Protein backbone atom coordinates (compact mmCIF):
# COMPACT_ATOMS: atom_id res chain seq x y z
CA UNK A 1 -255.83 36.75 134.42
CA UNK A 2 -252.87 38.71 133.07
CA UNK A 3 -251.07 38.43 129.74
CA UNK A 4 -248.06 40.16 128.21
CA UNK A 5 -250.18 42.92 126.66
CA UNK A 6 -252.55 43.72 129.50
CA UNK A 7 -255.55 42.29 131.31
CA UNK A 8 -258.01 39.92 129.74
CA UNK A 9 -261.18 40.77 131.61
CA UNK A 10 -264.18 38.49 131.95
CA UNK A 11 -267.60 38.40 133.56
CA UNK A 12 -269.73 35.80 135.30
CA UNK A 13 -268.77 32.86 137.45
CA UNK A 14 -266.07 30.29 136.76
CA UNK A 15 -268.44 27.88 135.03
CA UNK A 16 -269.29 30.53 132.41
CA UNK A 17 -265.62 31.30 131.78
CA UNK A 18 -264.09 27.83 131.66
CA UNK A 19 -262.04 27.15 128.55
CA UNK A 20 -260.52 24.11 126.89
CA UNK A 21 -257.19 25.95 126.59
CA UNK A 22 -254.23 25.45 128.87
CA UNK A 23 -254.20 28.54 131.10
CA UNK A 24 -250.59 29.57 130.46
CA UNK A 25 -250.84 29.08 126.73
CA UNK A 26 -254.10 31.05 126.53
CA UNK A 27 -252.72 34.00 128.45
CA UNK A 28 -249.64 34.28 126.26
CA UNK A 29 -251.51 34.04 122.97
CA UNK A 30 -254.55 36.16 123.76
CA UNK A 31 -252.76 38.78 125.82
CA UNK A 32 -250.17 39.43 123.07
CA UNK A 33 -252.55 39.03 120.14
CA UNK A 34 -252.47 42.16 117.99
CA UNK A 35 -255.95 41.44 116.67
CA UNK A 36 -258.97 42.49 118.71
CA UNK A 37 -260.78 39.56 120.31
CA UNK A 38 -264.08 39.54 122.17
CA UNK A 39 -265.98 36.53 123.51
CA UNK A 40 -269.78 36.55 123.67
CA UNK A 41 -272.08 34.10 125.45
CA UNK A 42 -275.02 32.24 123.81
CA UNK A 43 -277.21 35.33 124.36
CA UNK A 44 -274.73 37.68 122.64
CA UNK A 45 -273.46 39.31 125.87
CA UNK A 46 -269.79 40.17 126.10
CA UNK A 47 -267.89 37.79 128.39
CA UNK A 48 -264.28 38.74 127.69
CA UNK A 49 -262.15 41.17 125.70
CA UNK A 50 -258.43 41.44 125.11
CA UNK A 51 -256.27 44.61 125.18
CA UNK A 52 -256.33 44.91 121.38
CA UNK A 53 -260.14 45.04 121.50
CA UNK A 54 -260.02 47.79 124.09
CA UNK A 55 -257.76 49.83 121.82
CA UNK A 56 -259.75 49.20 118.63
CA UNK A 57 -263.14 49.96 120.20
CA UNK A 58 -261.96 52.81 122.42
CA UNK A 59 -263.65 51.28 125.42
CA UNK A 60 -262.30 49.90 128.69
CA UNK A 61 -262.96 46.25 129.41
CA UNK A 62 -265.15 46.84 132.50
CA UNK A 63 -267.45 49.08 130.43
CA UNK A 64 -268.06 46.29 127.91
CA UNK A 65 -268.37 43.19 130.08
CA UNK A 66 -271.95 41.94 130.38
CA UNK A 67 -273.24 44.31 127.67
CA UNK A 68 -275.12 43.12 124.61
CA UNK A 69 -272.50 43.20 121.83
CA UNK A 70 -275.00 44.18 119.14
CA UNK A 71 -276.67 46.98 121.09
CA UNK A 72 -273.36 48.39 122.31
CA UNK A 73 -271.31 48.27 119.10
CA UNK A 74 -273.29 47.60 115.92
CA UNK A 75 -274.39 50.64 113.86
CA UNK A 76 -275.17 51.50 110.24
CA UNK A 77 -273.04 53.89 108.17
CA UNK A 78 -274.95 56.88 109.62
CA UNK A 79 -274.48 55.76 113.21
CA UNK A 80 -278.05 54.53 113.72
CA UNK A 81 -278.90 51.32 115.53
CA UNK A 82 -279.59 48.29 113.34
CA UNK A 83 -282.56 45.96 113.99
CA UNK A 84 -281.43 42.81 115.80
CA UNK A 85 -282.88 40.53 113.15
CA UNK A 86 -280.41 42.04 110.65
CA UNK A 87 -277.35 41.38 112.82
CA UNK A 88 -275.10 38.73 111.28
CA UNK A 89 -273.28 38.16 114.56
CA UNK A 90 -276.50 37.35 116.43
CA UNK A 91 -277.48 35.04 113.57
CA UNK A 92 -274.11 33.28 113.86
CA UNK A 93 -274.62 32.88 117.62
CA UNK A 94 -278.10 31.45 117.10
CA UNK A 95 -276.87 29.04 114.42
CA UNK A 96 -273.64 28.26 116.29
CA UNK A 97 -271.79 28.55 112.99
CA UNK A 98 -268.53 30.09 111.84
CA UNK A 99 -269.19 33.42 110.11
CA UNK A 100 -267.16 36.21 108.50
CA UNK A 101 -268.23 39.67 107.41
CA UNK A 102 -266.56 42.66 105.81
CA UNK A 103 -267.72 46.22 106.30
CA UNK A 104 -269.30 45.95 109.73
CA UNK A 105 -269.60 49.41 111.30
CA UNK A 106 -268.85 49.66 115.01
CA UNK A 107 -269.32 52.56 117.41
CA UNK A 108 -266.23 53.40 119.45
CA UNK A 109 -266.37 54.72 122.95
CA UNK A 110 -265.33 58.21 121.77
CA UNK A 111 -268.31 58.37 119.35
CA UNK A 112 -266.35 57.62 116.16
CA UNK A 113 -267.55 55.01 113.71
CA UNK A 114 -265.08 52.45 112.37
CA UNK A 115 -265.46 49.88 109.64
CA UNK A 116 -264.23 46.43 110.61
CA UNK A 117 -263.67 42.99 109.24
CA UNK A 118 -264.75 40.29 111.69
CA UNK A 119 -264.89 36.54 111.97
CA UNK A 120 -266.62 34.43 114.62
CA UNK A 121 -266.06 30.81 115.69
CA UNK A 122 -268.17 28.74 118.11
CA UNK A 123 -266.68 27.79 121.48
CA UNK A 124 -267.68 24.37 122.81
CA UNK A 125 -266.72 22.11 125.70
CA UNK A 126 -267.70 18.41 125.58
CA UNK A 127 -270.42 19.31 123.07
CA UNK A 128 -271.84 22.16 125.16
CA UNK A 129 -272.07 25.51 123.33
CA UNK A 130 -270.38 28.25 125.39
CA UNK A 131 -270.54 31.17 122.98
CA UNK A 132 -268.48 32.70 120.16
CA UNK A 133 -264.94 34.02 119.81
CA UNK A 134 -265.03 37.12 117.58
CA UNK A 135 -261.94 38.61 115.90
CA UNK A 136 -262.19 42.26 114.79
CA UNK A 137 -259.81 44.17 112.48
CA UNK A 138 -259.92 47.82 111.41
CA UNK A 139 -260.77 47.75 107.68
CA UNK A 140 -259.07 51.10 107.16
CA UNK A 141 -255.66 49.40 107.34
CA UNK A 142 -253.66 48.58 104.23
CA UNK A 143 -253.04 45.22 102.60
CA UNK A 144 -250.35 44.35 105.10
CA UNK A 145 -252.93 44.76 107.84
CA UNK A 146 -255.16 42.30 105.99
CA UNK A 147 -252.30 39.86 105.70
CA UNK A 148 -251.57 40.33 109.39
CA UNK A 149 -255.22 39.77 110.24
CA UNK A 150 -255.27 36.61 108.16
CA UNK A 151 -252.08 35.40 109.82
CA UNK A 152 -253.48 35.99 113.27
CA UNK A 153 -256.73 34.33 112.31
CA UNK A 154 -254.85 31.30 111.09
CA UNK A 155 -252.76 31.34 114.24
CA UNK A 156 -255.88 31.38 116.39
CA UNK A 157 -257.44 28.60 114.33
CA UNK A 158 -254.22 26.59 114.62
CA UNK A 159 -254.18 27.22 118.34
CA UNK A 160 -257.79 26.07 118.64
CA UNK A 161 -256.99 22.93 116.66
CA UNK A 162 -253.94 22.19 118.80
CA UNK A 163 -255.79 22.68 122.05
CA UNK A 164 -258.69 20.58 120.80
CA UNK A 165 -256.24 17.83 119.87
CA UNK A 166 -254.62 17.96 123.32
CA UNK A 167 -258.05 17.77 124.97
CA UNK A 168 -259.05 14.79 122.80
CA UNK A 169 -255.79 12.98 123.54
CA UNK A 170 -256.27 13.54 127.27
CA UNK A 171 -259.82 12.19 127.07
CA UNK A 172 -258.96 9.17 124.92
CA UNK A 173 -255.87 8.17 126.89
CA UNK A 174 -257.85 8.40 130.10
CA UNK A 175 -260.21 5.67 128.87
CA UNK A 176 -257.69 2.83 129.09
CA UNK A 177 -255.00 1.50 131.38
CA UNK A 178 -253.47 -0.77 128.74
CA UNK A 179 -250.24 0.68 127.29
CA UNK A 180 -250.54 -0.89 123.83
CA UNK A 181 -254.12 0.27 123.40
CA UNK A 182 -253.28 3.79 124.62
CA UNK A 183 -250.38 4.13 122.17
CA UNK A 184 -252.46 2.82 119.26
CA UNK A 185 -255.12 5.44 120.03
CA UNK A 186 -252.44 8.11 120.32
CA UNK A 187 -251.07 7.34 116.84
CA UNK A 188 -254.51 7.54 115.27
CA UNK A 189 -255.05 10.97 116.84
CA UNK A 190 -251.67 12.43 115.88
CA UNK A 191 -251.56 11.19 112.27
CA UNK A 192 -252.46 13.01 110.07
CA UNK A 193 -253.82 15.88 112.19
CA UNK A 194 -250.47 16.94 113.60
CA UNK A 195 -247.86 14.83 111.81
CA UNK A 196 -247.29 12.47 108.88
CA UNK A 197 -245.50 9.88 111.02
CA UNK A 198 -245.40 9.10 114.74
CA UNK A 199 -243.06 6.75 116.59
CA UNK A 200 -243.02 5.81 120.27
CA UNK A 201 -239.93 4.37 121.96
CA UNK A 202 -240.08 3.01 125.52
CA UNK A 203 -237.33 2.24 127.95
CA UNK A 204 -237.57 -1.36 129.13
CA UNK A 205 -235.26 -2.52 131.88
CA UNK A 206 -231.74 -1.14 132.18
CA UNK A 207 -230.84 0.69 128.98
CA UNK A 208 -233.09 -1.34 126.66
CA UNK A 209 -235.22 0.58 124.17
CA UNK A 210 -238.21 -0.82 122.30
CA UNK A 211 -239.93 0.97 119.44
CA UNK A 212 -243.42 -0.09 120.41
CA UNK A 213 -245.59 1.92 118.00
CA UNK A 214 -245.16 3.36 114.50
CA UNK A 215 -248.03 5.15 112.77
CA UNK A 216 -247.79 6.48 109.23
CA UNK A 217 -250.04 7.85 106.50
CA UNK A 218 -252.61 5.76 104.70
CA UNK A 219 -251.18 3.96 101.67
CA UNK A 220 -247.67 3.84 103.15
CA UNK A 221 -245.15 1.18 102.25
CA UNK A 222 -245.87 -1.69 104.64
CA UNK A 223 -242.14 -2.49 104.94
CA UNK A 224 -241.67 0.76 106.84
CA UNK A 225 -243.47 -0.83 109.77
CA UNK A 226 -240.24 -2.82 110.25
CA UNK A 227 -238.98 0.18 112.19
CA UNK A 228 -241.13 -1.10 115.05
CA UNK A 229 -238.57 -3.28 116.82
CA UNK A 230 -236.09 -3.76 119.63
CA UNK A 231 -233.61 -0.88 119.27
CA UNK A 232 -229.99 -0.56 120.41
CA UNK A 233 -229.41 0.67 123.95
CA UNK A 234 -229.53 4.41 124.63
CA UNK A 235 -225.95 5.17 125.61
CA UNK A 236 -224.76 8.51 126.88
CA UNK A 237 -222.81 9.41 123.76
CA UNK A 238 -224.12 10.92 120.54
CA UNK A 239 -225.89 14.08 119.44
CA UNK A 240 -229.09 12.35 118.39
CA UNK A 241 -232.25 13.98 119.77
CA UNK A 242 -233.66 10.55 120.60
CA UNK A 243 -230.60 9.65 122.66
CA UNK A 244 -230.65 13.03 124.41
CA UNK A 245 -234.35 12.84 125.24
CA UNK A 246 -234.16 9.26 126.53
CA UNK A 247 -231.30 10.33 128.78
CA UNK A 248 -233.34 13.13 130.34
CA UNK A 249 -232.66 15.96 127.87
CA UNK A 250 -235.09 18.66 126.74
CA UNK A 251 -237.47 18.30 123.78
CA UNK A 252 -235.77 18.77 120.41
CA UNK A 253 -236.95 20.37 117.16
CA UNK A 254 -235.08 19.13 114.06
CA UNK A 255 -235.14 20.78 110.68
CA UNK A 256 -233.85 19.21 107.49
CA UNK A 257 -230.28 20.51 107.96
CA UNK A 258 -230.17 19.19 111.52
CA UNK A 259 -231.09 15.67 110.40
CA UNK A 260 -228.08 15.58 108.05
CA UNK A 261 -225.61 15.92 110.93
CA UNK A 262 -223.46 12.82 111.66
CA UNK A 263 -224.35 10.65 114.65
CA UNK A 264 -222.17 8.54 116.92
CA UNK A 265 -224.43 5.90 118.52
CA UNK A 266 -226.14 2.78 117.20
CA UNK A 267 -229.52 3.97 118.44
CA UNK A 268 -229.09 7.33 116.71
CA UNK A 269 -228.14 5.55 113.47
CA UNK A 270 -231.29 3.42 113.53
CA UNK A 271 -233.46 6.42 114.34
CA UNK A 272 -231.95 8.54 111.56
CA UNK A 273 -232.61 5.67 109.18
CA UNK A 274 -236.27 5.80 110.16
CA UNK A 275 -236.39 9.57 109.53
CA UNK A 276 -234.83 9.17 106.06
CA UNK A 277 -237.17 6.33 105.11
CA UNK A 278 -240.20 8.33 106.27
CA UNK A 279 -239.04 11.31 104.15
CA UNK A 280 -238.78 13.66 107.13
CA UNK A 281 -238.31 17.36 106.42
CA UNK A 282 -238.78 18.30 110.06
CA UNK A 283 -239.24 16.33 113.28
CA UNK A 284 -239.83 16.82 116.98
CA UNK A 285 -238.73 14.42 119.70
CA UNK A 286 -240.08 14.88 123.23
CA UNK A 287 -239.79 12.85 126.42
CA UNK A 288 -242.58 10.66 127.77
CA UNK A 289 -242.04 11.42 131.41
CA UNK A 290 -243.76 11.08 134.75
CA UNK A 291 -242.10 13.47 137.18
CA UNK A 292 -238.36 13.07 136.76
CA UNK A 293 -238.55 9.55 135.33
CA UNK A 294 -238.30 9.33 131.54
CA UNK A 295 -240.18 6.25 130.34
CA UNK A 296 -239.68 6.85 126.64
CA UNK A 297 -239.82 9.29 123.75
CA UNK A 298 -242.36 10.45 121.17
CA UNK A 299 -241.09 11.42 117.71
CA UNK A 300 -243.34 13.16 115.18
CA UNK A 301 -242.36 13.65 111.53
CA UNK A 302 -243.60 16.02 108.84
CA UNK A 303 -242.70 15.43 105.20
CA UNK A 304 -243.97 18.69 103.67
CA UNK A 305 -241.12 21.26 103.40
CA UNK A 306 -243.71 24.06 103.24
CA UNK A 307 -245.20 23.11 106.60
CA UNK A 308 -242.39 22.31 109.04
CA UNK A 309 -242.75 22.04 112.79
CA UNK A 310 -242.17 25.26 114.75
CA UNK A 311 -241.58 26.14 118.38
CA UNK A 312 -245.31 26.33 119.08
CA UNK A 313 -245.66 22.77 117.79
CA UNK A 314 -242.80 21.74 120.06
CA UNK A 315 -244.66 23.20 123.06
CA UNK A 316 -247.86 21.32 122.18
CA UNK A 317 -246.09 18.01 121.53
CA UNK A 318 -244.12 18.37 124.77
CA UNK A 319 -247.41 18.75 126.64
CA UNK A 320 -248.74 15.65 124.89
CA UNK A 321 -245.58 13.79 125.88
CA UNK A 322 -246.11 14.62 129.55
CA UNK A 323 -249.67 13.37 129.39
CA UNK A 324 -248.70 10.15 127.62
CA UNK A 325 -245.89 9.62 130.14
CA UNK A 326 -248.39 9.77 132.99
CA UNK A 327 -250.66 7.28 131.20
CA UNK A 328 -247.79 4.85 130.67
CA UNK A 329 -246.69 5.18 134.29
CA UNK A 330 -250.24 4.57 135.51
CA UNK A 331 -250.63 1.62 133.13
CA UNK A 332 -247.44 0.03 134.42
CA UNK A 333 -248.50 0.53 138.02
CA UNK A 334 -251.91 -0.92 137.21
CA UNK A 335 -250.31 -3.89 135.44
CA UNK A 336 -248.16 -4.69 138.47
CA UNK A 337 -251.16 -4.40 140.81
CA UNK A 338 -253.30 -6.52 138.53
CA UNK A 339 -250.63 -9.24 138.29
CA UNK A 340 -250.25 -9.36 142.08
CA UNK A 341 -254.02 -9.49 142.63
CA UNK A 342 -254.56 -12.17 140.01
CA UNK A 343 -251.71 -14.31 141.33
CA UNK A 344 -253.00 -13.94 144.88
CA UNK A 345 -256.51 -14.80 143.79
CA UNK A 346 -255.48 -17.91 141.86
CA UNK A 347 -253.28 -19.14 144.71
CA UNK A 348 -256.16 -18.82 147.16
CA UNK A 349 -258.49 -20.96 145.04
CA UNK A 350 -257.97 -24.31 146.73
CA UNK A 351 -257.72 -27.64 144.84
CA UNK A 352 -261.05 -29.37 144.44
CA UNK A 353 -261.85 -32.64 146.25
CA UNK A 354 -263.16 -35.62 144.28
CA UNK A 355 -265.13 -37.61 146.88
CA UNK A 356 -266.32 -41.05 145.78
CA UNK A 357 -267.86 -41.00 142.29
CA UNK A 358 -268.71 -37.29 142.50
CA UNK A 359 -266.86 -35.11 140.04
CA UNK A 360 -265.99 -31.44 140.47
CA UNK A 361 -264.48 -28.91 138.06
CA UNK A 362 -263.99 -25.16 138.30
CA UNK A 363 -262.64 -22.26 136.30
CA UNK A 364 -261.52 -18.74 137.19
CA UNK A 365 -261.34 -16.21 134.35
CA UNK A 366 -259.83 -12.78 135.11
CA UNK A 367 -261.55 -9.67 133.84
CA UNK A 368 -260.56 -8.71 130.27
CA UNK A 369 -257.73 -6.31 129.49
CA UNK A 370 -258.49 -2.82 130.73
CA UNK A 371 -260.52 -4.02 133.71
CA UNK A 372 -259.33 -4.74 137.21
CA UNK A 373 -259.20 -8.02 139.05
CA UNK A 374 -262.31 -8.54 141.13
CA UNK A 375 -263.23 -10.54 144.22
CA UNK A 376 -264.87 -13.61 142.62
CA UNK A 377 -264.03 -17.00 144.13
CA UNK A 378 -265.17 -20.60 144.43
CA UNK A 379 -264.50 -23.29 147.01
CA UNK A 380 -265.40 -26.93 147.66
CA UNK A 381 -264.45 -28.98 150.71
CA UNK A 382 -265.62 -31.95 152.77
CA UNK A 383 -267.00 -31.06 156.20
CA UNK A 384 -266.33 -32.98 159.39
CA UNK A 385 -269.43 -35.14 158.87
CA UNK A 386 -268.46 -35.97 155.25
CA UNK A 387 -270.95 -33.58 153.69
CA UNK A 388 -269.59 -31.83 150.61
CA UNK A 389 -269.73 -28.01 150.84
CA UNK A 390 -269.85 -25.92 147.66
CA UNK A 391 -269.29 -22.14 147.68
CA UNK A 392 -269.40 -19.46 145.02
CA UNK A 393 -268.95 -15.81 145.98
CA UNK A 394 -268.25 -12.26 144.83
CA UNK A 395 -266.79 -9.51 147.01
CA UNK A 396 -267.75 -5.95 146.08
CA UNK A 397 -264.82 -4.13 144.44
CA UNK A 398 -262.25 -4.52 141.67
CA UNK A 399 -258.80 -4.19 143.21
CA UNK A 400 -256.33 -5.71 145.64
CA UNK A 401 -258.67 -4.85 148.50
CA UNK A 402 -261.43 -6.97 146.94
CA UNK A 403 -259.02 -9.86 146.36
CA UNK A 404 -257.83 -9.65 149.96
CA UNK A 405 -261.43 -9.53 151.20
CA UNK A 406 -262.19 -12.63 149.19
CA UNK A 407 -259.34 -14.44 150.96
CA UNK A 408 -260.70 -13.38 154.35
CA UNK A 409 -264.22 -14.63 153.64
CA UNK A 410 -262.85 -17.81 152.13
CA UNK A 411 -261.04 -18.75 155.34
CA UNK A 412 -263.74 -17.66 157.76
CA UNK A 413 -266.51 -19.49 155.89
CA UNK A 414 -264.53 -22.72 155.89
CA UNK A 415 -264.04 -22.43 159.65
CA UNK A 416 -267.70 -21.71 160.32
CA UNK A 417 -269.01 -24.46 158.05
CA UNK A 418 -266.51 -27.18 159.06
CA UNK A 419 -268.49 -28.68 161.94
CA UNK A 420 -271.75 -26.74 161.92
CA UNK A 421 -274.74 -29.08 161.92
CA UNK A 422 -277.45 -26.52 161.25
CA UNK A 423 -278.89 -25.40 157.91
CA UNK A 424 -276.65 -23.41 155.51
CA UNK A 425 -278.64 -20.23 156.18
CA UNK A 426 -277.52 -20.31 159.81
CA UNK A 427 -273.86 -20.59 158.75
CA UNK A 428 -274.18 -17.50 156.54
CA UNK A 429 -275.94 -15.63 159.35
CA UNK A 430 -272.88 -16.26 161.52
CA UNK A 431 -270.58 -15.14 158.68
CA UNK A 432 -272.61 -11.95 158.22
CA UNK A 433 -272.35 -11.19 161.95
CA UNK A 434 -268.59 -11.73 161.98
CA UNK A 435 -267.79 -9.96 158.71
CA UNK A 436 -267.64 -6.31 159.88
CA UNK A 437 -265.56 -7.21 162.94
CA UNK A 438 -262.85 -9.40 161.40
CA UNK A 439 -262.75 -8.56 157.67
CA UNK A 440 -262.40 -5.48 155.48
CA UNK A 441 -265.28 -6.57 153.23
CA UNK A 442 -268.13 -4.02 152.97
CA UNK A 443 -270.50 -6.20 150.95
CA UNK A 444 -270.48 -9.57 149.20
CA UNK A 445 -272.76 -12.13 147.60
CA UNK A 446 -272.42 -15.91 147.79
CA UNK A 447 -274.13 -19.27 147.64
CA UNK A 448 -273.37 -21.97 150.20
CA UNK A 449 -274.64 -25.40 149.16
CA UNK A 450 -274.32 -28.66 151.12
CA UNK A 451 -274.60 -32.01 149.30
CA UNK A 452 -275.92 -34.78 151.54
CA UNK A 453 -275.74 -38.43 150.51
CA UNK A 454 -273.28 -41.24 149.94
CA UNK A 455 -270.64 -39.98 147.45
CA UNK A 456 -270.72 -43.34 145.65
CA UNK A 457 -274.37 -44.33 145.53
CA UNK A 458 -276.55 -41.49 146.79
CA UNK A 459 -279.35 -40.63 147.02
CA UNK A 460 -278.38 -36.94 147.11
CA UNK A 461 -280.08 -33.92 148.60
CA UNK A 462 -278.84 -30.38 148.08
CA UNK A 463 -279.42 -27.83 150.85
CA UNK A 464 -278.44 -24.26 150.06
CA UNK A 465 -278.82 -20.60 150.84
CA UNK A 466 -278.09 -17.57 148.69
CA UNK A 467 -276.91 -14.18 149.96
CA UNK A 468 -278.04 -12.05 147.03
CA UNK A 469 -276.21 -14.23 144.49
CA UNK A 470 -277.41 -15.47 141.06
CA UNK A 471 -279.27 -18.79 141.46
CA UNK A 472 -277.53 -22.16 140.85
CA UNK A 473 -278.44 -23.94 137.61
CA UNK A 474 -279.39 -27.65 137.70
CA UNK A 475 -279.09 -29.69 134.49
CA UNK A 476 -280.64 -33.17 134.37
CA UNK A 477 -279.94 -36.08 132.04
CA UNK A 478 -283.40 -35.83 130.47
CA UNK A 479 -282.60 -32.40 129.01
CA UNK A 480 -284.16 -30.18 131.66
CA UNK A 481 -282.58 -27.03 133.10
CA UNK A 482 -283.85 -25.45 136.31
CA UNK A 483 -282.65 -22.39 138.22
CA UNK A 484 -282.77 -23.04 141.98
CA UNK A 485 -284.33 -19.74 142.95
CA UNK A 486 -285.44 -20.67 146.47
CA UNK A 487 -283.32 -19.89 149.53
CA UNK A 488 -282.71 -16.27 148.50
CA UNK A 489 -281.69 -13.81 151.22
CA UNK A 490 -280.02 -10.41 151.47
CA UNK A 491 -276.44 -9.96 150.46
CA UNK A 492 -273.73 -9.96 153.10
CA UNK A 493 -273.18 -6.55 154.66
CA UNK A 494 -276.78 -5.36 154.37
CA UNK A 495 -277.88 -3.07 157.23
CA UNK A 496 -278.56 -5.10 160.40
CA UNK A 497 -282.14 -5.91 161.22
CA UNK A 498 -283.34 -5.73 157.60
CA UNK A 499 -283.65 -9.42 156.76
CA UNK A 500 -284.14 -11.66 159.80
CA UNK A 501 -282.82 -15.23 159.67
CA UNK A 502 -281.58 -16.33 156.28
CA UNK A 503 -283.69 -18.93 154.47
CA UNK A 504 -282.41 -22.34 153.42
CA UNK A 505 -283.83 -24.52 150.66
CA UNK A 506 -283.57 -28.21 149.81
CA UNK A 507 -284.03 -30.32 146.69
CA UNK A 508 -283.31 -33.88 145.65
CA UNK A 509 -280.78 -34.21 142.84
CA UNK A 510 -281.28 -37.00 140.31
CA UNK A 511 -278.37 -39.26 139.32
CA UNK A 512 -276.30 -37.97 136.39
CA UNK A 513 -277.35 -34.35 136.96
CA UNK A 514 -274.97 -31.39 136.81
CA UNK A 515 -275.05 -28.40 139.17
CA UNK A 516 -273.53 -25.09 138.09
CA UNK A 517 -272.56 -22.30 140.49
CA UNK A 518 -271.27 -19.10 138.86
CA UNK A 519 -270.65 -15.40 139.43
CA UNK A 520 -272.45 -12.56 137.67
CA UNK A 521 -269.58 -11.88 135.26
CA UNK A 522 -270.78 -14.93 133.30
CA UNK A 523 -274.26 -13.55 132.67
CA UNK A 524 -274.03 -9.75 132.90
CA UNK A 525 -273.02 -7.98 129.68
CA UNK A 526 -273.26 -4.16 129.39
CA UNK A 527 -276.39 -3.28 127.43
CA UNK A 528 -278.10 -6.61 128.19
CA UNK A 529 -280.56 -7.29 131.02
CA UNK A 530 -280.22 -10.04 133.63
CA UNK A 531 -283.10 -12.16 132.30
CA UNK A 532 -281.46 -12.27 128.88
CA UNK A 533 -278.18 -13.34 130.46
CA UNK A 534 -279.83 -16.12 132.47
CA UNK A 535 -281.71 -17.40 129.41
CA UNK A 536 -278.48 -17.38 127.40
CA UNK A 537 -276.64 -19.34 130.11
CA UNK A 538 -279.45 -21.93 130.31
CA UNK A 539 -279.36 -22.44 126.52
CA UNK A 540 -275.60 -22.88 126.25
CA UNK A 541 -275.39 -25.04 129.39
CA UNK A 542 -278.05 -27.42 128.04
CA UNK A 543 -276.13 -27.75 124.80
CA UNK A 544 -273.06 -28.83 126.79
CA UNK A 545 -274.83 -30.89 129.46
CA UNK A 546 -273.63 -34.26 128.10
CA UNK A 547 -270.03 -33.17 127.56
CA UNK A 548 -267.31 -34.13 130.03
CA UNK A 549 -267.29 -31.78 132.99
CA UNK A 550 -263.96 -30.17 132.08
CA UNK A 551 -265.16 -29.59 128.52
CA UNK A 552 -268.34 -27.95 129.82
CA UNK A 553 -266.32 -25.63 132.07
CA UNK A 554 -263.97 -24.69 129.22
CA UNK A 555 -266.61 -24.08 126.58
CA UNK A 556 -269.41 -22.47 128.56
CA UNK A 557 -267.59 -19.14 129.25
CA UNK A 558 -266.30 -19.14 125.66
CA UNK A 559 -269.85 -19.39 124.27
CA UNK A 560 -271.10 -16.42 126.25
CA UNK A 561 -270.92 -13.14 124.28
CA UNK A 562 -267.94 -10.83 124.77
CA UNK A 563 -268.24 -7.49 126.51
CA UNK A 564 -268.19 -8.41 130.20
CA UNK A 565 -265.91 -6.18 132.28
CA UNK A 566 -265.99 -8.48 135.31
CA UNK A 567 -264.07 -11.59 136.25
CA UNK A 568 -265.82 -14.96 136.26
CA UNK A 569 -265.80 -17.89 138.67
CA UNK A 570 -267.51 -21.16 137.71
CA UNK A 571 -267.92 -24.27 139.88
CA UNK A 572 -269.53 -27.44 138.47
CA UNK A 573 -270.63 -30.64 140.23
CA UNK A 574 -271.67 -33.82 138.39
CA UNK A 575 -273.38 -36.74 140.09
CA UNK A 576 -272.70 -40.29 138.90
CA UNK A 577 -275.18 -41.92 136.58
CA UNK A 578 -277.15 -44.98 137.79
């Protein structure tokens, strides 16, 4: 790749040369860097050199790439080779540690020996060690050369820190689709590594501006958090950087003199008040934008007059603003999709019948914040012959497609079960046959249970089949809890010809007993196995077995440990006592 000062050559395939730096930024800095820079791999071979290194070492880049840096360059004062075990650079590579050395003698391509100062820093990517970046300076220069070398070293270290920060922000923001959580994480990354204060303002509706996040230094005056509020509208007038940025203007760097200029809008007045209270000596304000749409602004403040923001900082913060803008846009899109899916899912969960003295209750609990709506559902309806049908199911997927698939299965299963006189396994066989032809569902699990018996007096027999779903739980008045594990068959959508006819099972239900049908979100917690989840559900359900049915349905999900990323459907049936 090319830079302003020449060609930065490299060797090996793309995987060996990948860098955490933004390509354009890296080319500008490295190509124009007046200090010699070479990059070596974990074995000490030269991977890349910049034009300054070519000039200092008197060697063309192609002649150095792939060579062992020690064997090619390192000599003693008389020009003799030095044993490898005495090479401080190789030791630094082996230890993966930052190292500096004065007085290192290097052999130039024209045969001359030069004394150099050098410093080496490890290069890593997601914890993987890629090699070392080595800066070389001719020690024969005067003190100004030393100062220049130190300045360039600091610049490179600052660049590395900035690029590392940008990479961390990108990684952290990519882990959530919740705006509030993303902005809280952003503030913790920016303060104090890049700024002393950070404020985020978002456009909400037509012209409305909300200051949704303010992050300051530890030990700050708590009253300064009052700046997090509903702000005046962002009108077109005024010279305030915040107003300009929210109206589509370019990023702005403010120094102390700039912040003293008068302002003409209410929003600018409030923002300037925040800068004064924070003790700002310099500030940058950049748009949070996705494409051409500006969703808000990010303002960073520094309070140290000896360390103000500069144009390089403005470039980095502008890049961060673009990334945050994309996250906010994605979060808003996700929020709208989630709201539609959840509303659709709730509306499709039909009211429960209450035949005779039988009592039914159900709950649907969406996945927690940061997760997507899934395809869990329940259903209960009376068939043509008066038999009560109970259904619990889970469509594979976590999006609108899964919710739509749930609606399709819901309707088809009702139609198939309405007047079918055979066992429940036969009904699910018919559903499995029809599913690929008339639904978009690839796979699903469910339990279909049929309760036979007079709804007032009984006796009652439960007939059921399970298509790869967790087993129903039966609670009896004498304190027993039994998982109904019979009737298990393959999940819906399994390859044809792999399971044969689905099994059905039957069991008498005693008066006063409670039957629980549930989806796996109730029992599956990341880091915990299924048996542990089932044992936990049995224990908590037994503790609630004598509570009213609605109380049981409310408290049972609440007693299960947090951490599930799935939605939960729960359907409960209670038979009358004698």
